[in-house]
Every structure is written in structure tokens, then in C-alpha cells.
Protein backbone atom coordinates (compact mmCIF):
# COMPACT_ATOMS: atom_id res chain seq x y z
CA MET A 1 79.98 40.72 79.21
CA PHE A 2 76.36 40.76 77.41
CA GLU A 3 76.58 44.49 77.50
CA TYR A 4 80.04 44.29 75.52
CA GLU A 5 78.67 42.14 73.11
CA LEU A 6 75.71 44.62 72.29
CA ALA A 7 77.78 47.59 72.09
CA GLU A 8 80.21 45.80 69.44
CA GLU A 9 77.17 44.86 67.60
CA ALA A 10 75.80 48.25 67.58
CA LEU A 11 79.19 49.56 66.50
CA GLN A 12 79.31 47.23 63.56
CA ASP A 13 75.77 48.30 62.71
CA ALA A 14 77.03 51.89 62.53
CA HIS A 15 79.78 50.99 60.40
CA GLU A 16 77.61 49.24 57.77
CA THR A 17 75.09 52.18 58.06
CA VAL A 18 77.89 54.82 57.30
CA LYS A 19 78.93 52.77 54.49
CA ILE A 20 75.64 52.42 52.94
CA ILE A 21 75.12 56.20 53.35
CA ARG A 22 78.46 57.05 51.86
CA ALA A 23 77.76 54.67 48.73
CA HIS A 24 74.51 56.19 48.29
CA TRP A 25 75.57 59.78 48.54
CA ALA A 26 78.41 59.33 46.13
CA GLN A 27 75.93 57.96 43.50
CA MET A 28 73.62 61.13 43.75
CA PRO A 29 73.73 63.28 41.00
CA PRO A 30 75.10 66.89 42.16
CA LYS A 31 71.73 68.49 41.06
CA LEU A 32 69.85 66.08 43.94
CA ARG A 33 72.69 66.99 46.61
CA THR A 34 71.62 70.79 46.26
CA GLY A 35 70.37 71.64 49.70
CA ILE A 36 71.20 68.25 51.35
CA LYS A 37 73.69 68.67 53.69
CA PHE A 38 75.34 65.42 54.90
CA GLU A 39 77.74 65.52 57.77
CA GLU A 40 80.31 62.98 58.89
CA PRO A 41 79.69 61.60 62.45
CA GLU A 42 81.19 63.42 65.17
CA ILE A 43 82.88 59.99 66.52
CA ASP A 44 85.22 57.91 64.42
CA LEU A 45 83.21 55.05 62.67
CA ARG A 46 86.05 54.17 60.38
CA GLU A 47 86.91 50.54 60.24
CA PRO A 48 89.71 49.97 62.82
């Protein structure tokens, strides 16, 4: 059960990290985004 709890916590941390990155990216002026490639994660980290 302990490993399951750690996995759930890690998944929640990943959700929060993706939210922060998306919010930061959205606030960046287009000029600063030039040459920076933001790729969505391969796995689906959207909230259930």
C-alpha cells in the first residue's frame, strides 16, 4: 500500500508541475518563446 501512496503523490506532483509550466508558458511573450520548444508529456497528465 505504501508504494501505491507514493505513486499517487508523485502523480499529483506531476499534475501540479504541468499546471505551473502551462501557466508560465502562457504568460511568456511570443518573442521569448522563439526557439523554445514546449512538448506535452507523452502520458496523459490531465486531471481525471
